[in-house]
Amino acid sequence: MMKPPEIGLALGGGAVLGAAHIGVLRAVEELDIHVDGIAGTSVGAFIGTLFAFGKGWREIRDIVTGLDWMDISAVSLSQYGLLSNGKLGKTIVSLLGHADISAARIPLAIIATDISSGRKVVLTEGDTAAAVMASTCIPGVYIPVEIGDRMLIDGGISENVPVSPLREMGVRTVIGVNLHAFHSFEPPKHIIDILTNTVVLTMMNITRLQTDQADIRITPDLSGFNIIDTDQIPALIECGYRAARTILEPHAVALRRNNE
């Protein structure tokens, strides 16, 4: 009989704050915690996808450090958004090829939201690049991504820290990473700031309830960082690492034992 999946990682959204997830992955690797399932929303989908397809934390760090706003965005003339994140899709393809989600080494769920129905969409098969584009599609900023007959936007609107897809996989112990637990706001300077702050407020309100369903919660204090400055990435990685080591180290022996 196949052993049920023991440990799952639920990686939440948060734009550039998502670099903290890389620090979490570093702690997971150092503590030799075997991950049986990954669910990711928005930037958590991007980083979680790379990890699920076999890239270690150092390689992911180098990939993310090498990106900037113009690498993943392009101005677009559309009635549905100001920018296209098609370049992010091309980045995924350059790293993973035209991979199907189901081909990931670690079972992977990518979360998006159907803007036509308001329903959560859990993508576990199909084009990986398109799924990550959909999950990271900030409404009003990026053009929605069409997959099949659905128009998809950021998964953070429906489940920012995606615990439930891991439960549906049968995962027994879910580690949830919430990037917005200590978020601080600044006065908006332009329309992008207004739209982004609105999305973050929405996610914060629903994320509190979602993370309560996780067995282990990692909540790095990222209040000193903003969500768009890529110069912060090394410090964000370190902050995520420290928070994860503090939370995971006391559980590491039990987690390894349960996965034997």
Protein backbone atom coordinates (compact mmCIF):
# COMPACT_ATOMS: atom_id res chain seq x y z
CA MET A 1 0.00 0.00 0.00
CA MET A 2 1.32 3.43 -0.94
CA LYS A 3 2.23 5.57 2.06
CA PRO A 4 0.09 8.73 2.25
CA PRO A 5 1.90 12.06 1.79
CA GLU A 6 3.14 13.27 5.13
CA ILE A 7 4.42 16.85 4.74
CA GLY A 8 3.15 19.64 2.52
CA LEU A 9 4.25 23.23 1.98
CA ALA A 10 1.64 25.95 1.40
CA LEU A 11 3.42 29.00 0.01
CA GLY A 12 1.46 32.25 0.02
CA GLY A 13 1.54 35.28 -2.23
CA GLY A 14 3.25 38.60 -1.64
CA ALA A 15 5.07 39.85 -4.77
CA VAL A 16 8.77 40.51 -3.99
CA LEU A 17 8.18 39.44 -0.38
CA GLY A 18 8.03 35.95 -1.84
CA ALA A 19 11.83 35.88 -1.73
CA ALA A 20 11.33 34.93 1.93
CA HIS A 21 10.05 31.57 0.67
CA ILE A 22 13.56 30.85 -0.58
CA GLY A 23 14.82 31.17 2.98
CA VAL A 24 12.10 28.77 4.10
CA LEU A 25 13.24 26.27 1.48
CA ARG A 26 16.82 26.65 2.70
CA ALA A 27 15.70 25.73 6.23
CA VAL A 28 13.68 22.77 4.90
CA GLU A 29 16.72 21.46 3.02
CA GLU A 30 19.14 22.01 5.91
CA LEU A 31 16.83 20.24 8.36
CA ASP A 32 16.40 17.35 5.90
CA ILE A 33 12.61 17.66 5.89
CA HIS A 34 11.17 15.69 2.98
CA VAL A 35 8.30 17.51 1.27
CA ASP A 36 5.56 15.33 -0.26
CA GLY A 37 3.35 18.08 -1.70
CA ILE A 38 3.50 21.77 -2.58
CA ALA A 39 0.68 24.24 -3.11
CA GLY A 40 1.48 27.78 -4.16
CA THR A 41 -0.35 31.02 -4.75
CA SER A 42 1.03 33.94 -6.77
CA VAL A 43 4.76 34.31 -6.06
CA GLY A 44 4.41 31.19 -3.90
CA ALA A 45 3.30 29.38 -7.06
CA PHE A 46 6.38 30.61 -8.92
CA ILE A 47 8.88 29.61 -6.25
CA GLY A 48 6.98 26.47 -5.28
CA THR A 49 6.93 25.34 -8.91
CA LEU A 50 10.69 25.68 -9.22
CA PHE A 51 11.17 23.65 -6.04
CA ALA A 52 8.64 21.02 -7.10
CA PHE A 53 10.50 20.55 -10.38
CA GLY A 54 13.73 19.80 -8.55
CA LYS A 55 15.53 23.12 -8.18
CA GLY A 56 17.24 23.66 -4.84
CA TRP A 57 17.09 26.82 -2.78
CA ARG A 58 20.44 28.15 -4.06
CA GLU A 59 19.42 27.79 -7.69
CA ILE A 60 16.07 29.41 -6.99
CA ARG A 61 17.87 32.25 -5.20
CA ASP A 62 20.04 32.84 -8.25
CA ILE A 63 17.02 32.76 -10.58
CA VAL A 64 15.00 35.21 -8.51
CA THR A 65 17.96 37.52 -7.91
CA GLY A 66 18.49 37.71 -11.65
CA LEU A 67 14.93 38.86 -12.33
CA ASP A 68 13.65 42.42 -12.36
CA TRP A 69 10.31 44.09 -13.09
CA MET A 70 10.99 44.34 -16.83
CA ASP A 71 11.91 40.65 -16.97
CA ILE A 72 8.39 39.58 -16.07
CA SER A 73 6.20 42.47 -17.22
CA ALA A 74 5.44 44.34 -20.41
CA VAL A 75 3.14 47.27 -21.16
CA SER A 76 0.05 46.03 -22.95
CA LEU A 77 -2.88 47.71 -24.68
CA SER A 78 -5.81 45.78 -23.23
CA GLN A 79 -9.18 46.57 -21.69
CA TYR A 80 -8.43 44.01 -18.98
CA GLY A 81 -5.11 45.22 -17.56
CA LEU A 82 -2.20 47.60 -17.79
CA LEU A 83 0.55 45.00 -18.13
CA SER A 84 1.15 41.50 -19.41
CA ASN A 85 3.11 38.94 -17.41
CA GLY A 86 3.77 36.88 -20.52
CA LYS A 87 7.51 37.33 -19.95
CA LEU A 88 7.14 35.42 -16.69
CA GLY A 89 5.66 32.55 -18.68
CA LYS A 90 8.64 32.65 -21.03
CA THR A 91 10.95 32.58 -18.02
CA ILE A 92 9.22 29.44 -16.73
CA VAL A 93 9.55 27.80 -20.15
CA SER A 94 13.23 28.69 -20.35
CA LEU A 95 13.79 27.05 -16.97
CA LEU A 96 11.50 24.03 -17.16
CA GLY A 97 10.60 23.64 -20.81
CA HIS A 98 6.96 23.16 -21.82
CA ALA A 99 6.31 21.09 -18.72
CA ASP A 100 2.98 19.75 -17.50
CA ILE A 101 2.22 20.43 -13.84
CA SER A 102 1.68 16.72 -13.28
CA ALA A 103 5.30 16.06 -14.29
CA ALA A 104 6.68 17.81 -11.18
CA ARG A 105 8.93 15.67 -8.96
CA ILE A 106 6.86 16.74 -5.95
CA PRO A 107 3.06 16.77 -6.42
CA LEU A 108 2.14 20.38 -7.15
CA ALA A 109 -1.01 22.48 -6.97
CA ILE A 110 -1.11 26.03 -8.38
CA ILE A 111 -3.92 28.28 -7.21
CA ALA A 112 -5.75 30.83 -9.36
CA THR A 113 -9.15 32.54 -9.32
CA ASP A 114 -11.78 32.46 -12.06
CA ILE A 115 -12.71 36.13 -12.40
CA SER A 116 -15.92 35.24 -14.25
CA SER A 117 -17.32 33.07 -11.44
CA GLY A 118 -15.26 34.12 -8.42
CA ARG A 119 -14.33 30.50 -7.78
CA LYS A 120 -10.98 29.14 -6.70
CA VAL A 121 -9.22 27.10 -9.37
CA VAL A 122 -6.70 24.45 -8.33
CA LEU A 123 -4.42 23.54 -11.22
CA THR A 124 -2.69 20.17 -10.88
CA GLU A 125 -2.24 19.40 -14.57
CA GLY A 126 -1.81 21.34 -17.77
CA ASP A 127 0.72 23.91 -18.92
CA THR A 128 2.92 24.94 -15.99
CA ALA A 129 3.92 28.32 -17.40
CA ALA A 130 0.31 29.33 -18.06
CA ALA A 131 -0.72 28.23 -14.58
CA VAL A 132 2.02 30.28 -12.89
CA MET A 133 1.11 33.29 -15.04
CA ALA A 134 -2.53 32.94 -13.97
CA SER A 135 -1.69 32.57 -10.28
CA THR A 136 0.50 35.70 -10.33
CA CYS A 137 -1.96 37.83 -12.31
CA ILE A 138 -2.71 40.84 -10.07
CA PRO A 139 -6.22 42.01 -11.04
CA GLY A 140 -6.35 45.38 -12.75
CA VAL A 141 -2.59 45.33 -13.25
CA TYR A 142 -2.01 42.21 -15.36
CA ILE A 143 -4.20 40.89 -18.15
CA PRO A 144 -6.10 37.76 -17.03
CA VAL A 145 -4.79 34.47 -18.33
CA GLU A 146 -7.19 32.31 -20.31
CA ILE A 147 -6.95 28.58 -19.67
CA GLY A 148 -9.65 26.57 -21.39
CA ASP A 149 -12.86 28.55 -21.09
CA ARG A 150 -11.80 30.29 -17.87
CA MET A 151 -10.33 33.77 -17.37
CA LEU A 152 -7.95 33.46 -14.44
CA ILE A 153 -6.35 35.96 -12.07
CA ASP A 154 -4.27 35.93 -8.89
CA GLY A 155 -5.00 32.99 -6.62
CA GLY A 156 -4.56 35.17 -3.56
CA ILE A 157 -8.09 36.47 -4.04
CA SER A 158 -9.49 33.03 -3.25
CA GLU A 159 -6.83 31.23 -1.16
CA ASN A 160 -3.64 33.08 -0.46
CA VAL A 161 -2.00 30.41 1.72
CA PRO A 162 -3.29 27.28 -0.01
CA VAL A 163 -3.74 24.75 2.77
CA SER A 164 -6.89 23.08 1.45
CA PRO A 165 -5.36 21.71 -1.80
CA LEU A 166 -2.76 19.90 0.30
CA ARG A 167 -5.47 18.43 2.51
CA GLU A 168 -7.18 17.25 -0.66
CA MET A 169 -3.92 15.52 -1.65
CA GLY A 170 -4.10 13.68 1.67
CA VAL A 171 -1.17 15.49 3.28
CA ARG A 172 -1.11 14.93 7.02
CA THR A 173 1.11 17.82 8.15
CA VAL A 174 0.80 21.16 6.41
CA ILE A 175 3.42 23.88 6.84
CA GLY A 176 1.86 27.23 5.90
CA VAL A 177 3.96 30.30 5.04
CA ASN A 178 2.18 33.64 5.41
CA LEU A 179 4.11 36.63 4.06
CA HIS A 180 1.55 39.21 5.19
CA ALA A 181 1.24 38.45 8.90
CA PHE A 182 3.04 41.69 9.83
CA HIS A 183 2.42 43.78 6.71
CA SER A 184 2.68 47.57 6.96
CA PHE A 185 1.21 49.99 4.44
CA GLU A 186 2.53 53.23 2.97
CA PRO A 187 0.49 56.01 1.30
CA PRO A 188 0.02 55.09 -2.39
CA LYS A 189 1.90 57.17 -4.96
CA HIS A 190 0.01 56.08 -8.08
CA ILE A 191 -2.73 53.82 -9.40
CA ILE A 192 -0.54 50.70 -9.27
CA ASP A 193 0.03 51.27 -5.54
CA ILE A 194 -3.72 51.69 -4.97
CA LEU A 195 -4.56 48.49 -6.83
CA THR A 196 -1.76 46.57 -5.12
CA ASN A 197 -2.73 47.78 -1.63
CA THR A 198 -6.32 46.78 -2.31
CA VAL A 199 -5.26 43.25 -3.25
CA VAL A 200 -3.01 42.98 -0.20
CA LEU A 201 -5.79 44.13 2.15
CA THR A 202 -8.13 41.55 0.69
CA MET A 203 -5.56 38.79 1.04
CA MET A 204 -4.66 39.72 4.61
CA ASN A 205 -8.25 39.44 5.75
CA ILE A 206 -8.78 35.97 4.31
CA THR A 207 -5.27 34.67 5.00
CA ARG A 208 -5.72 34.83 8.77
CA LEU A 209 -8.47 32.24 8.56
CA GLN A 210 -6.59 30.07 6.07
CA THR A 211 -3.36 29.85 8.03
CA ASP A 212 -5.28 28.73 11.12
CA GLN A 213 -5.88 25.48 9.24
CA ALA A 214 -2.15 24.76 8.87
CA ASP A 215 -0.43 22.48 11.38
CA ILE A 216 2.77 24.53 11.44
CA ARG A 217 2.73 28.25 10.63
CA ILE A 218 5.73 30.29 9.52
CA THR A 219 5.08 34.03 9.68
CA PRO A 220 8.25 36.05 9.07
CA ASP A 221 8.08 39.68 10.12
CA LEU A 222 8.37 41.44 6.77
CA SER A 223 6.88 44.73 7.92
CA GLY A 224 10.14 46.54 7.17
CA PHE A 225 10.00 45.58 3.49
CA ASN A 226 7.84 46.68 0.57
CA ILE A 227 6.37 44.40 -2.08
CA ILE A 228 8.12 45.79 -5.17
CA ASP A 229 11.76 46.60 -4.32
CA THR A 230 13.94 43.80 -5.67
CA ASP A 231 17.03 45.18 -3.93
CA GLN A 232 15.56 43.68 -0.74
CA ILE A 233 15.74 40.09 -1.99
CA PRO A 234 18.87 38.97 -0.07
CA ALA A 235 17.51 40.41 3.19
CA LEU A 236 14.09 38.83 2.56
CA ILE A 237 15.68 35.43 2.00
CA GLU A 238 17.58 35.76 5.27
CA CYS A 239 14.44 36.85 7.14
CA GLY A 240 12.48 33.90 5.80
CA TYR A 241 15.30 31.55 6.72
CA ARG A 242 15.56 32.78 10.32
CA ALA A 243 11.80 32.55 10.83
CA ALA A 244 11.65 29.05 9.33
CA ARG A 245 14.58 27.71 11.35
CA THR A 246 13.02 29.03 14.55
CA ILE A 247 9.69 27.36 13.85
CA LEU A 248 10.81 24.16 12.11
CA GLU A 249 13.85 23.13 14.15
CA PRO A 250 11.84 21.98 17.20
CA HIS A 251 9.66 19.86 14.88
CA ALA A 252 12.41 18.55 12.59
CA VAL A 253 13.07 15.22 14.31
CA ALA A 254 9.37 14.36 14.48
CA LEU A 255 8.83 15.42 10.86
CA ARG A 256 11.70 13.26 9.65
CA ARG A 257 10.51 10.31 11.75
CA ASN A 258 6.97 10.55 10.39
CA ASN A 259 8.30 10.48 6.85
CA GLU A 260 10.46 7.37 7.29
